[in-house]
Protein backbone atom coordinates (compact mmCIF):
# COMPACT_ATOMS: atom_id res chain seq x y z
CA MET A 1 0.00 0.00 0.00
CA GLU A 2 1.18 3.52 -0.69
CA MET A 3 2.93 5.22 2.20
CA LEU A 4 0.55 7.33 4.26
CA THR A 5 2.92 9.74 5.94
CA THR A 6 6.32 10.21 7.55
CA VAL A 7 6.91 12.06 10.80
CA ARG A 8 10.28 13.15 12.15
CA VAL A 9 10.60 13.10 15.96
CA PRO A 10 13.67 14.58 17.72
CA LEU A 11 15.30 12.35 20.34
CA GLN A 12 16.32 13.51 23.78
CA GLY A 13 19.25 11.71 25.33
CA PRO A 14 21.34 8.78 24.03
CA TYR A 15 19.41 6.48 21.72
CA ASP A 16 20.26 3.50 19.53
CA LEU A 17 17.37 1.96 17.57
CA ARG A 18 19.49 -1.06 16.72
CA GLU A 19 19.73 -1.97 20.40
CA LEU A 20 15.94 -1.92 20.72
CA ALA A 21 15.35 -3.89 17.52
CA LEU A 22 17.72 -6.67 18.57
CA MET A 23 16.70 -6.75 22.23
CA GLY A 24 14.70 -9.98 21.92
CA PHE A 25 11.52 -9.41 23.86
CA GLY A 26 8.01 -10.86 23.73
CA HIS A 27 7.28 -12.00 20.18
CA ARG A 28 10.24 -10.09 18.69
CA GLU A 29 13.25 -12.27 17.93
CA GLU A 30 15.24 -10.44 15.25
CA LYS A 31 18.71 -11.83 14.57
CA SER A 32 19.86 -8.97 12.34
CA PHE A 33 19.07 -5.31 11.78
CA ASP A 34 18.91 -3.61 8.39
CA GLY A 35 18.28 -0.14 9.78
CA VAL A 36 14.49 -0.49 9.97
CA MET A 37 12.44 -1.58 12.98
CA ARG A 38 9.18 -2.93 11.58
CA LEU A 39 6.09 -2.66 13.78
CA GLY A 40 2.55 -3.89 13.24
CA PHE A 41 -0.10 -3.28 15.87
CA CYS A 42 -3.73 -2.63 16.78
CA LEU A 43 -4.14 1.08 17.32
CA ASP A 44 -4.78 2.33 20.85
CA GLY A 45 -8.33 3.24 21.75
CA HIS A 46 -10.99 1.18 20.02
CA GLY A 47 -8.29 -1.22 18.79
CA GLU A 48 -10.10 -1.98 15.55
CA SER A 49 -7.47 -0.46 13.22
CA GLN A 50 -4.23 -2.24 12.44
CA VAL A 51 -1.21 -0.29 11.25
CA GLY A 52 2.22 -1.11 9.91
CA VAL A 53 5.00 1.32 10.81
CA ALA A 54 8.64 1.51 9.76
CA VAL A 55 10.95 3.21 12.27
CA THR A 56 14.42 4.39 11.29
CA GLN A 57 16.97 6.55 13.07
CA ARG A 58 18.64 9.54 11.49
CA GLY A 59 21.14 10.82 14.01
CA PRO A 60 19.31 12.53 16.87
CA ALA A 61 15.85 11.86 15.41
CA LEU A 62 13.48 9.03 14.52
CA LEU A 63 11.59 8.81 11.24
CA ILE A 64 8.20 7.16 11.75
CA ARG A 65 6.72 6.05 8.45
CA ILE A 66 3.17 4.67 8.33
CA GLU A 67 3.28 2.22 5.43
CA ASP A 68 0.23 -0.02 5.61
CA HIS A 69 -3.05 -0.28 7.44
CA ALA A 70 -6.22 -2.33 7.81
CA GLY A 71 -9.31 -0.44 8.87
CA THR A 72 -9.33 3.28 9.53
CA ALA A 73 -5.85 4.49 10.46
CA ASP A 74 -6.05 8.18 9.68
CA ASP A 75 -5.12 9.38 13.17
CA VAL A 76 -1.45 10.02 12.49
CA GLU A 77 -0.88 11.59 15.89
CA ALA A 78 -2.21 8.49 17.65
CA VAL A 79 0.01 6.20 15.56
CA VAL A 80 3.09 8.29 16.30
CA ARG A 81 2.29 8.49 20.00
CA GLN A 82 1.88 4.72 20.29
CA THR A 83 5.03 4.06 18.25
CA LEU A 84 7.09 6.32 20.51
CA ARG A 85 5.84 4.45 23.56
CA VAL A 86 6.75 1.11 22.01
CA VAL A 87 10.32 2.21 21.28
CA SER A 88 10.70 4.23 24.52
CA ALA A 89 11.29 7.48 22.65
CA ASP A 90 8.50 9.29 24.49
CA HIS A 91 10.76 10.43 27.35
CA ASP A 92 13.64 12.84 27.77
CA ALA A 93 16.32 10.31 28.74
CA ARG A 94 19.05 12.79 29.57
CA PRO A 95 18.34 12.56 33.33
CA TYR A 96 18.31 8.77 33.05
CA ALA A 97 21.71 8.74 31.35
CA ALA A 98 23.10 11.09 34.00
CA LEU A 99 21.80 8.85 36.79
CA CYS A 100 23.35 5.72 35.29
CA ARG A 101 26.69 7.36 34.67
CA ALA A 102 26.84 8.70 38.22
CA ASP A 103 26.06 5.30 39.81
CA PRO A 104 29.20 3.12 40.11
CA PHE A 105 27.05 -0.03 39.97
CA LEU A 106 25.09 0.97 36.85
CA ALA A 107 27.75 2.92 34.93
CA PRO A 108 29.77 -0.02 33.53
CA VAL A 109 26.60 -1.76 32.33
CA PHE A 110 25.13 1.43 30.86
CA GLU A 111 28.31 2.26 28.96
CA THR A 112 28.22 -1.05 27.07
CA ALA A 113 25.26 0.43 25.13
CA PRO A 114 24.41 4.01 26.16
CA GLY A 115 21.64 4.21 23.58
CA PHE A 116 19.75 1.18 24.88
CA ARG A 117 16.16 1.72 26.02
CA PRO A 118 13.40 -0.84 26.65
CA SER A 119 11.40 -2.20 23.75
CA ASN A 120 7.78 -2.49 24.88
CA PHE A 121 4.69 -4.44 23.93
CA TYR A 122 2.46 -2.61 21.49
CA SER A 123 -0.34 -2.15 24.04
CA PRO A 124 -1.85 -3.65 27.20
CA TYR A 125 -4.28 -5.53 24.94
CA GLU A 126 -1.49 -7.16 22.95
CA ALA A 127 0.52 -7.90 26.10
CA ALA A 128 -2.53 -9.68 27.52
CA VAL A 129 -2.96 -11.69 24.31
CA TRP A 130 0.73 -12.64 24.47
CA SER A 131 0.30 -13.69 28.10
CA ILE A 132 -2.37 -16.21 27.15
CA VAL A 133 -0.73 -17.70 24.05
CA SER A 134 2.75 -17.95 25.63
CA ALA A 135 1.76 -19.21 29.10
CA ARG A 136 3.41 -22.47 30.19
CA ARG A 137 5.50 -22.79 27.05
CA SER A 138 8.84 -21.54 25.73
CA ARG A 139 9.04 -18.09 24.20
CA GLY A 140 9.81 -19.69 20.83
CA GLN A 141 6.61 -21.69 21.00
CA GLY A 142 4.71 -18.56 22.02
CA ILE A 143 6.11 -16.71 19.00
CA VAL A 144 4.90 -19.46 16.66
CA LEU A 145 1.40 -19.43 18.18
CA ARG A 146 1.17 -15.64 18.09
CA ARG A 147 2.17 -15.63 14.42
CA ARG A 148 -0.38 -18.33 13.66
CA LEU A 149 -3.11 -16.37 15.45
CA ALA A 150 -2.16 -13.19 13.57
CA GLU A 151 -1.85 -14.73 10.11
CA THR A 152 -5.09 -16.71 10.41
CA PHE A 153 -7.39 -14.27 12.17
CA GLY A 154 -5.65 -10.86 12.12
CA SER A 155 -3.81 -9.14 9.29
CA VAL A 156 -0.50 -9.40 7.50
CA LEU A 157 0.75 -5.94 6.57
CA THR A 158 3.71 -4.97 4.41
CA VAL A 159 6.31 -2.83 6.15
CA ALA A 160 9.57 -1.83 4.45
CA GLY A 161 9.20 -4.71 2.01
CA GLN A 162 8.54 -7.40 4.61
CA ARG A 163 5.40 -9.14 5.85
CA VAL A 164 4.44 -8.21 9.42
CA PRO A 165 1.65 -10.27 11.07
CA VAL A 166 -0.65 -8.24 13.31
CA VAL A 167 -2.76 -9.89 16.01
CA PRO A 168 -6.54 -9.81 15.59
CA THR A 169 -8.45 -6.75 16.69
CA PRO A 170 -10.75 -7.31 19.69
CA ALA A 171 -13.72 -7.85 17.36
CA GLN A 172 -11.75 -10.35 15.28
CA LEU A 173 -10.51 -12.14 18.39
CA LEU A 174 -14.04 -12.66 19.64
CA ALA A 175 -14.74 -14.67 16.48
CA VAL A 176 -11.81 -17.06 17.01
CA ASP A 177 -13.01 -20.53 17.98
CA GLN A 178 -9.74 -22.47 17.79
CA VAL A 179 -6.06 -21.97 17.07
CA PRO A 180 -4.07 -25.06 16.07
CA GLY A 181 -1.61 -25.86 18.83
CA LEU A 182 -3.34 -23.70 21.42
CA PRO A 183 -5.23 -25.57 24.16
CA ALA A 184 -9.00 -25.18 23.94
CA ASP A 185 -9.21 -23.63 27.41
CA ARG A 186 -7.22 -20.61 26.17
CA ILE A 187 -9.95 -19.53 23.75
CA PRO A 188 -12.40 -18.29 26.44
CA ARG A 189 -9.48 -16.43 28.02
CA LEU A 190 -8.71 -14.69 24.74
CA HIS A 191 -12.40 -13.83 24.38
CA ALA A 192 -12.39 -12.29 27.87
CA ILE A 193 -9.40 -10.13 26.91
CA ALA A 194 -11.13 -9.06 23.69
CA ALA A 195 -14.27 -8.12 25.62
CA ALA A 196 -12.22 -6.16 28.17
CA ALA A 197 -10.49 -4.27 25.36
CA LYS A 198 -13.78 -3.44 23.66
CA ARG A 199 -15.22 -1.93 26.85
CA GLY A 200 -12.05 0.13 27.39
CA ALA A 201 -10.71 -1.75 30.41
CA LEU A 202 -7.30 -2.23 28.75
CA ASP A 203 -6.94 1.35 27.54
CA VAL A 204 -3.38 2.45 28.25
CA ASN A 205 -4.39 5.90 29.50
CA ARG A 206 -6.93 4.39 31.88
CA LEU A 207 -4.42 1.91 33.34
CA THR A 208 -1.63 4.45 33.77
CA ALA A 209 -4.02 6.84 35.54
CA MET A 210 -4.63 4.21 38.22
CA GLU A 211 -2.33 3.26 41.07
CA PRO A 212 -0.20 0.39 39.69
CA ALA A 213 -1.22 -2.00 42.45
CA GLU A 214 -4.89 -1.25 41.83
CA ALA A 215 -4.48 -1.68 38.07
CA MET A 216 -2.67 -5.00 38.48
CA GLN A 217 -5.32 -6.25 40.88
CA GLU A 218 -8.00 -5.40 38.34
CA LEU A 219 -6.08 -7.09 35.52
CA GLN A 220 -5.93 -10.25 37.60
CA GLN A 221 -9.70 -10.49 37.34
CA LEU A 222 -9.18 -11.56 33.72
CA PRO A 223 -8.99 -15.36 33.39
CA GLY A 224 -5.42 -16.48 32.83
CA ILE A 225 -3.86 -13.22 34.06
CA GLY A 226 -2.18 -13.77 37.42
CA PRO A 227 0.31 -11.60 39.35
CA PHE A 228 3.19 -12.21 36.94
CA TYR A 229 1.27 -11.34 33.79
CA SER A 230 -0.54 -8.38 35.35
CA SER A 231 2.89 -7.01 36.24
CA LEU A 232 4.12 -7.73 32.70
CA ILE A 233 1.22 -5.76 31.23
CA MET A 234 1.80 -2.75 33.47
CA VAL A 235 5.59 -2.71 33.34
CA ARG A 236 6.22 -3.59 29.70
CA ALA A 237 3.16 -2.32 27.82
CA CYS A 238 2.25 0.98 29.45
CA GLY A 239 5.54 2.80 28.95
CA LEU A 240 6.12 3.38 32.66
CA THR A 241 9.67 4.21 33.75
CA ASP A 242 9.49 3.80 37.51
CA LEU A 243 7.48 0.69 38.39
CA LEU A 244 9.65 -1.69 40.40
CA ALA A 245 9.06 -5.26 39.27
CA ALA A 246 12.19 -7.38 38.95
CA GLU A 247 12.14 -10.27 36.51
CA PRO A 248 13.80 -13.55 37.54
CA GLN A 249 16.78 -12.93 35.24
CA VAL A 250 17.50 -9.61 36.97
CA LEU A 251 17.28 -11.16 40.43
CA GLU A 252 19.70 -13.86 39.34
CA GLN A 253 22.20 -11.28 38.10
CA LEU A 254 21.92 -9.33 41.34
CA ARG A 255 22.41 -12.56 43.31
CA THR A 256 25.60 -13.30 41.38
CA ILE A 257 26.96 -9.79 41.83
CA TYR A 258 26.17 -9.58 45.53
CA GLY A 259 27.05 -13.18 46.31
CA ARG A 260 23.65 -13.89 47.83
CA SER A 261 19.97 -13.60 47.07
CA LEU A 262 18.21 -10.29 47.65
CA ASP A 263 14.73 -10.31 49.07
CA ALA A 264 12.02 -7.87 48.00
CA ALA A 265 12.81 -5.40 50.77
CA GLU A 266 16.52 -5.31 49.91
CA LEU A 267 15.81 -4.86 46.22
CA GLU A 268 13.43 -2.01 46.98
CA GLN A 269 16.08 -0.34 49.13
CA LEU A 270 18.76 -0.80 46.47
CA ALA A 271 16.51 0.58 43.75
CA GLU A 272 15.49 3.65 45.73
CA ALA A 273 18.49 5.49 44.31
CA TRP A 274 17.26 4.73 40.78
CA ARG A 275 14.02 6.69 40.96
CA PRO A 276 12.30 7.74 38.71
CA TRP A 277 13.88 5.22 36.31
CA ARG A 278 13.64 1.92 38.19
CA THR A 279 11.86 0.12 35.35
CA TRP A 280 14.42 1.18 32.76
CA VAL A 281 17.31 0.28 35.07
CA LEU A 282 16.02 -3.22 35.72
CA VAL A 283 15.36 -3.84 32.02
CA MET A 284 18.86 -2.58 31.25
CA LEU A 285 20.40 -4.94 33.81
CA ARG A 286 18.55 -7.87 32.29
CA ALA A 287 19.33 -7.00 28.67
CA LEU A 288 22.90 -5.75 29.01
CA GLY A 289 24.23 -7.30 32.21
CA GLY A 290 25.52 -10.36 30.41
CA ARG A 291 27.80 -8.24 28.19
CA LEU A 292 29.96 -7.34 31.15
CA GLY A 293 31.83 -9.80 33.32
CA VAL A 294 30.28 -10.25 36.74
CA ARG A 295 33.61 -9.55 38.41
CA GLU A 296 33.95 -6.27 36.51
CA VAL A 297 30.51 -5.10 37.66
CA ALA A 298 31.18 -6.18 41.21
CA ASP A 299 34.55 -4.36 41.25
CA ALA A 300 32.86 -1.21 39.95
CA ARG A 301 30.30 -1.40 42.74
CA ARG A 302 33.07 -1.34 45.33
């Protein structure tokens, strides 16, 4: 389809799109980067439009190019806003960079890739769908099932010359009665997520306006969404920078560095110095910590 529009967005603070594209998170598992990060998602709000977006970096700016769509996708501002949230370019990261460089524990990890920022799920709705299809299976298996769901019941858009499967809109998801390889008991759970999205319960602005604990408690009322997945939705789909929720990989790295396990209270105390960037810091430790020898990080901490 003919390109709809291109928007240039200045970046604030260090940024490296390649780091985000190759992060390996959720359904994304790119092994190489040709300069374009290809996105395909259900648009925030009613969720019944699907858009394909090509993101490229030109020095201190991102070019967001809307290349394909299914349904009505004429709200360019909404597409750009959602894209920036997905690629964590919706914040001035200069204070974050200053914090990391001033912290002897974080600095050596940060300097391995100063332009790294978290890559997020497209929306709370899509994070919830991922939670159901990937539960109790490897991420690779979850990726296969998500692609199957998208190609069969959603849309396949063309972005920068490549096919990008987009998960079904809430209305499309309600019509799904089976997905090969997905247990039958997951279908009612997907329907419940679709219904919640249609009534606005998964709207990103609504969730971020709530206290995180309250939002996560409400999300857990959805079948198949427990404490872990409610945290995943809030931390990695809403674009928050300061919600403290350590993933197991982060806790393991901290255990290795400190020589012992840290309980929740100790982690909270350690992370107090990282406000208001605790989410970004923990994601950075998970994604980049392995690039630096444990001894080198531990020595820097001393």
